[in-house]
């Protein structure tokens, strides 16, 4: 069977849509689709990330600390910024997993509750 150039392009495009998220302290790296939230990626791979409000930016249970790749996340909106003020263990690189959409490889820490 002959492989066409279009087959290679499709494979490259599929690879370009993938991102890697490493969850610490579990030291587990999983793949997701560009544009998915940290929470969506975690849930699909059975990573234990709490989300009491169902990912609606109404609580802080999906709080994560970005350890690498902050530039690969969506910008923080005012609603997330306001909600994060209530998060336990807040840091300068804290984000809500439900609001942080991934566009490149990132490393996040799930804080101990």
N, C-alpha and C. Protein backbone atom coordinates (compact mmCIF):
# COMPACT_ATOMS: atom_id res chain seq x y z
N UNK A 1 0.85 -1.18 0.00
CA UNK A 1 0.00 0.00 0.00
C UNK A 1 0.89 1.24 0.00
N UNK A 2 0.55 2.19 -0.83
CA UNK A 2 1.35 3.41 -0.97
C UNK A 2 0.88 4.47 0.03
N UNK A 3 1.82 5.11 0.69
CA UNK A 3 1.50 6.18 1.62
C UNK A 3 1.56 7.50 0.87
N UNK A 4 0.47 8.27 1.00
CA UNK A 4 0.40 9.55 0.32
C UNK A 4 0.90 10.67 1.22
N UNK A 5 1.33 11.75 0.60
CA UNK A 5 1.77 12.93 1.35
C UNK A 5 0.67 13.43 2.26
N UNK A 6 -0.57 13.33 1.83
CA UNK A 6 -1.69 13.80 2.65
C UNK A 6 -1.80 12.99 3.94
N UNK A 7 -1.42 11.70 3.90
CA UNK A 7 -1.44 10.88 5.11
C UNK A 7 -0.46 11.41 6.15
N UNK A 8 0.73 11.81 5.68
CA UNK A 8 1.72 12.39 6.60
C UNK A 8 1.22 13.71 7.17
N UNK A 9 0.60 14.52 6.35
CA UNK A 9 0.10 15.82 6.82
C UNK A 9 -0.99 15.63 7.87
N UNK A 10 -1.88 14.66 7.66
CA UNK A 10 -2.93 14.39 8.64
C UNK A 10 -2.32 13.94 9.97
N UNK A 11 -1.31 13.10 9.91
CA UNK A 11 -0.64 12.63 11.13
C UNK A 11 0.05 13.79 11.83
N UNK A 12 0.69 14.68 11.09
CA UNK A 12 1.34 15.85 11.69
C UNK A 12 0.31 16.75 12.34
N UNK A 13 -0.82 16.98 11.66
CA UNK A 13 -1.87 17.84 12.21
C UNK A 13 -2.42 17.27 13.50
N UNK A 14 -2.64 15.95 13.54
CA UNK A 14 -3.15 15.31 14.76
C UNK A 14 -2.16 15.48 15.90
N UNK A 15 -0.87 15.33 15.62
CA UNK A 15 0.16 15.50 16.64
C UNK A 15 0.21 16.93 17.14
N UNK A 16 0.03 17.90 16.24
CA UNK A 16 0.07 19.31 16.62
C UNK A 16 -1.09 19.69 17.53
N UNK A 17 -2.17 18.94 17.52
CA UNK A 17 -3.33 19.23 18.35
C UNK A 17 -3.20 18.66 19.75
N UNK A 18 -2.18 17.87 19.99
CA UNK A 18 -1.99 17.22 21.28
C UNK A 18 -1.11 18.07 22.19
N UNK A 19 -1.41 18.02 23.47
CA UNK A 19 -0.60 18.68 24.49
C UNK A 19 -0.33 17.66 25.58
N UNK A 20 0.72 17.90 26.36
CA UNK A 20 1.04 17.02 27.48
C UNK A 20 0.91 17.80 28.78
N UNK A 21 0.26 17.18 29.74
CA UNK A 21 0.13 17.77 31.07
C UNK A 21 0.71 16.78 32.07
N UNK A 22 1.66 17.27 32.86
CA UNK A 22 2.24 16.45 33.92
C UNK A 22 1.62 16.89 35.23
N UNK A 23 1.08 15.93 35.95
CA UNK A 23 0.45 16.19 37.24
C UNK A 23 1.39 15.73 38.35
N UNK A 24 1.76 16.68 39.21
CA UNK A 24 2.60 16.37 40.38
C UNK A 24 1.72 16.45 41.62
N UNK A 25 1.95 15.81 42.68
CA UNK A 25 3.10 14.96 42.96
C UNK A 25 2.96 13.55 42.40
N UNK A 26 1.94 13.28 41.59
CA UNK A 26 1.74 11.95 41.03
C UNK A 26 2.82 11.56 40.02
N UNK A 27 3.47 12.58 39.42
CA UNK A 27 4.45 12.36 38.36
C UNK A 27 3.86 11.54 37.22
N UNK A 28 2.65 11.92 36.82
CA UNK A 28 1.95 11.27 35.72
C UNK A 28 1.81 12.29 34.59
N UNK A 29 2.22 11.91 33.40
CA UNK A 29 2.07 12.77 32.23
C UNK A 29 1.04 12.14 31.30
N UNK A 30 0.06 12.95 30.90
CA UNK A 30 -1.00 12.48 30.02
C UNK A 30 -1.15 13.44 28.85
N UNK A 31 -1.81 12.97 27.79
CA UNK A 31 -2.06 13.82 26.63
C UNK A 31 -3.47 14.35 26.66
N UNK A 32 -3.62 15.54 26.09
CA UNK A 32 -4.93 16.14 25.91
C UNK A 32 -4.97 16.85 24.58
N UNK A 33 -6.12 17.41 24.28
CA UNK A 33 -6.30 18.18 23.06
C UNK A 33 -6.05 19.65 23.36
N UNK A 34 -5.42 20.35 22.42
CA UNK A 34 -5.23 21.79 22.59
C UNK A 34 -6.58 22.44 22.84
N UNK A 35 -6.61 23.33 23.83
CA UNK A 35 -7.83 24.06 24.15
C UNK A 35 -8.65 23.44 25.27
N UNK A 36 -8.36 22.20 25.63
CA UNK A 36 -9.06 21.59 26.75
C UNK A 36 -8.55 22.20 28.05
N UNK A 37 -9.38 22.15 29.08
CA UNK A 37 -8.94 22.66 30.38
C UNK A 37 -8.11 21.59 31.10
N UNK A 38 -7.33 22.04 32.05
CA UNK A 38 -6.56 21.12 32.89
C UNK A 38 -7.51 20.12 33.54
N UNK A 39 -8.66 20.60 34.00
CA UNK A 39 -9.64 19.71 34.64
C UNK A 39 -10.16 18.66 33.68
N UNK A 40 -10.52 19.05 32.47
CA UNK A 40 -11.04 18.09 31.49
C UNK A 40 -10.02 17.00 31.20
N UNK A 41 -8.77 17.40 31.04
CA UNK A 41 -7.70 16.43 30.77
C UNK A 41 -7.52 15.50 31.96
N UNK A 42 -7.53 16.05 33.17
CA UNK A 42 -7.38 15.23 34.38
C UNK A 42 -8.51 14.21 34.48
N UNK A 43 -9.73 14.64 34.29
CA UNK A 43 -10.88 13.74 34.44
C UNK A 43 -10.84 12.60 33.43
N UNK A 44 -10.48 12.91 32.19
CA UNK A 44 -10.44 11.88 31.15
C UNK A 44 -9.40 10.81 31.44
N UNK A 45 -8.38 11.16 32.20
CA UNK A 45 -7.30 10.22 32.51
C UNK A 45 -7.35 9.73 33.97
N UNK A 46 -8.50 9.92 34.61
CA UNK A 46 -8.70 9.46 35.99
C UNK A 46 -7.68 10.03 36.97
N UNK A 47 -7.26 11.27 36.74
CA UNK A 47 -6.38 11.97 37.68
C UNK A 47 -7.28 12.58 38.75
N UNK A 48 -7.02 12.32 40.03
CA UNK A 48 -7.91 12.80 41.09
C UNK A 48 -7.77 14.32 41.33
N UNK A 49 -8.57 15.09 40.61
CA UNK A 49 -8.61 16.55 40.78
C UNK A 49 -10.05 16.91 41.15
N UNK A 50 -10.23 17.36 42.39
CA UNK A 50 -11.58 17.69 42.86
C UNK A 50 -12.20 18.78 41.99
N UNK A 51 -13.53 18.79 41.94
CA UNK A 51 -14.25 19.79 41.15
C UNK A 51 -15.71 19.85 41.63
N UNK A 52 -15.86 20.32 42.85
CA UNK A 52 -17.18 20.32 43.50
C UNK A 52 -18.26 21.07 42.74
N UNK A 53 -17.89 22.11 41.99
CA UNK A 53 -18.91 22.89 41.28
C UNK A 53 -19.11 22.38 39.85
N UNK A 54 -18.44 21.31 39.48
CA UNK A 54 -18.60 20.76 38.14
C UNK A 54 -17.83 21.52 37.08
N UNK A 55 -16.85 22.30 37.49
CA UNK A 55 -16.03 23.03 36.53
C UNK A 55 -16.65 24.33 36.05
N UNK A 56 -17.41 24.97 36.92
CA UNK A 56 -18.12 26.20 36.56
C UNK A 56 -17.54 27.46 37.17
N UNK A 57 -16.33 27.40 37.69
CA UNK A 57 -15.68 28.57 38.30
C UNK A 57 -16.49 29.12 39.47
N UNK A 58 -17.09 28.20 40.25
CA UNK A 58 -17.90 28.62 41.38
C UNK A 58 -17.31 28.16 42.71
N UNK A 59 -16.14 27.52 42.67
CA UNK A 59 -15.46 27.09 43.89
C UNK A 59 -13.96 27.07 43.59
N UNK A 60 -13.17 26.57 44.50
CA UNK A 60 -11.72 26.52 44.27
C UNK A 60 -11.16 25.12 44.43
N UNK A 61 -12.00 24.12 44.39
CA UNK A 61 -11.53 22.76 44.65
C UNK A 61 -10.61 22.22 43.55
N UNK A 62 -10.64 22.79 42.35
CA UNK A 62 -9.76 22.34 41.27
C UNK A 62 -8.50 23.19 41.17
N UNK A 63 -8.18 23.89 42.25
CA UNK A 63 -6.99 24.74 42.32
C UNK A 63 -5.74 23.91 42.03
N UNK A 64 -4.91 24.40 41.11
CA UNK A 64 -3.61 23.77 40.82
C UNK A 64 -2.54 24.86 40.85
N UNK A 65 -1.30 24.43 41.02
CA UNK A 65 -0.16 25.34 41.00
C UNK A 65 0.65 25.01 39.76
N UNK A 66 0.83 25.97 38.90
CA UNK A 66 1.56 25.76 37.65
C UNK A 66 3.05 25.79 37.95
N UNK A 67 3.73 24.69 37.65
CA UNK A 67 5.16 24.56 37.91
C UNK A 67 5.99 24.78 36.65
N UNK A 68 5.36 24.69 35.50
CA UNK A 68 6.06 24.91 34.24
C UNK A 68 5.07 25.05 33.10
N UNK A 69 5.38 25.93 32.16
CA UNK A 69 4.54 26.10 30.99
C UNK A 69 3.39 27.09 31.15
N UNK A 70 3.51 28.01 32.10
CA UNK A 70 2.44 29.00 32.31
C UNK A 70 2.08 29.72 31.00
N UNK A 71 3.08 29.93 30.14
CA UNK A 71 2.84 30.62 28.88
C UNK A 71 1.98 29.79 27.91
N UNK A 72 1.75 28.52 28.23
CA UNK A 72 0.95 27.64 27.38
C UNK A 72 -0.49 27.53 27.85
N UNK A 73 -0.85 28.36 28.83
CA UNK A 73 -2.22 28.35 29.35
C UNK A 73 -2.96 29.61 28.91
N UNK A 74 -4.27 29.49 28.83
CA UNK A 74 -5.11 30.66 28.52
C UNK A 74 -4.90 31.73 29.59
N UNK A 75 -5.17 32.96 29.22
CA UNK A 75 -5.04 34.05 30.19
C UNK A 75 -6.14 33.95 31.23
N UNK A 76 -5.81 34.40 32.42
CA UNK A 76 -6.76 34.37 33.51
C UNK A 76 -7.81 35.46 33.32
N UNK A 77 -9.06 35.09 33.44
CA UNK A 77 -10.17 36.04 33.39
C UNK A 77 -10.42 36.59 34.79
N UNK A 78 -11.12 37.73 34.87
CA UNK A 78 -11.40 38.37 36.16
C UNK A 78 -12.16 37.44 37.11
N UNK A 79 -13.11 36.68 36.58
CA UNK A 79 -13.92 35.78 37.41
C UNK A 79 -13.03 34.74 38.11
N UNK A 80 -12.07 34.17 37.38
CA UNK A 80 -11.15 33.20 37.97
C UNK A 80 -10.26 33.87 39.01
N UNK A 81 -9.76 35.06 38.68
CA UNK A 81 -8.89 35.80 39.59
C UNK A 81 -9.61 36.08 40.91
N UNK A 82 -10.86 36.50 40.83
CA UNK A 82 -11.65 36.76 42.03
C UNK A 82 -11.87 35.49 42.85
N UNK A 83 -12.16 34.39 42.17
CA UNK A 83 -12.42 33.13 42.86
C UNK A 83 -11.14 32.59 43.52
N UNK A 84 -10.00 32.75 42.85
CA UNK A 84 -8.73 32.25 43.39
C UNK A 84 -8.36 32.87 44.72
N UNK A 85 -8.83 34.09 44.97
CA UNK A 85 -8.54 34.74 46.24
C UNK A 85 -9.02 33.91 47.43
N UNK A 86 -9.96 33.01 47.19
CA UNK A 86 -10.52 32.16 48.24
C UNK A 86 -9.79 30.82 48.37
N UNK A 87 -8.85 30.55 47.46
CA UNK A 87 -8.18 29.24 47.44
C UNK A 87 -7.18 29.11 48.59
N UNK A 88 -7.18 27.94 49.19
CA UNK A 88 -6.22 27.63 50.25
C UNK A 88 -4.87 27.35 49.60
N UNK A 89 -3.80 27.92 50.15
CA UNK A 89 -2.47 27.68 49.61
C UNK A 89 -2.18 28.43 48.32
N UNK A 90 -2.82 29.57 48.14
CA UNK A 90 -2.66 30.38 46.93
C UNK A 90 -1.20 30.76 46.70
N UNK A 91 -0.74 30.67 45.45
CA UNK A 91 0.61 31.08 45.07
C UNK A 91 0.52 32.02 43.87
N UNK A 92 1.65 32.57 43.47
CA UNK A 92 1.68 33.45 42.30
C UNK A 92 1.37 32.71 41.00
N UNK A 93 1.52 31.39 41.01
CA UNK A 93 1.25 30.62 39.80
C UNK A 93 0.01 29.72 39.95
N UNK A 94 -0.88 30.07 40.86
CA UNK A 94 -2.11 29.31 41.06
C UNK A 94 -3.08 29.57 39.91
N UNK A 95 -3.80 28.51 39.54
CA UNK A 95 -4.87 28.61 38.54
C UNK A 95 -5.98 27.65 38.96
N UNK A 96 -7.16 27.89 38.44
CA UNK A 96 -8.25 26.93 38.60
C UNK A 96 -8.20 25.99 37.41
N UNK A 97 -8.18 24.70 37.67
CA UNK A 97 -8.08 23.72 36.60
C UNK A 97 -9.20 23.81 35.59
N UNK A 98 -10.37 24.24 36.03
CA UNK A 98 -11.52 24.34 35.11
C UNK A 98 -11.41 25.54 34.17
N UNK A 99 -10.59 26.50 34.51
CA UNK A 99 -10.49 27.73 33.71
C UNK A 99 -9.19 27.82 32.92
N UNK A 100 -8.19 27.02 33.26
CA UNK A 100 -6.89 27.06 32.61
C UNK A 100 -6.91 26.13 31.40
N UNK A 101 -7.04 26.70 30.21
CA UNK A 101 -7.07 25.93 28.97
C UNK A 101 -5.64 25.80 28.43
N UNK A 102 -5.31 24.59 28.00
CA UNK A 102 -3.94 24.22 27.67
C UNK A 102 -3.69 24.31 26.16
N UNK A 103 -2.59 25.02 25.80
CA UNK A 103 -2.22 25.18 24.39
C UNK A 103 -0.79 24.73 24.11
N UNK A 104 -0.16 24.11 25.10
CA UNK A 104 1.20 23.57 24.98
C UNK A 104 1.46 22.75 26.23
N UNK A 105 2.61 22.17 26.33
CA UNK A 105 2.92 21.29 27.46
C UNK A 105 3.05 22.08 28.76
N UNK A 106 2.45 21.53 29.82
CA UNK A 106 2.50 22.19 31.13
C UNK A 106 2.74 21.17 32.23
N UNK A 107 3.21 21.67 33.36
CA UNK A 107 3.38 20.87 34.58
C UNK A 107 2.58 21.57 35.66
N UNK A 108 1.68 20.81 36.30
CA UNK A 108 0.88 21.37 37.38
C UNK A 108 0.99 20.50 38.61
N UNK A 109 0.90 21.15 39.75
CA UNK A 109 0.89 20.44 41.03
C UNK A 109 -0.51 20.52 41.60
N UNK A 110 -1.00 19.38 42.06
CA UNK A 110 -2.29 19.35 42.75
C UNK A 110 -1.96 19.49 44.24
N UNK A 111 -2.31 20.63 44.84
CA UNK A 111 -1.96 20.84 46.25
C UNK A 111 -2.67 19.85 47.16
N UNK A 112 -2.01 19.51 48.23
CA UNK A 112 -2.65 18.63 49.22
C UNK A 112 -3.70 19.44 49.97
N UNK A 113 -4.83 18.83 50.21
CA UNK A 113 -5.95 19.52 50.87
C UNK A 113 -5.83 19.41 52.36
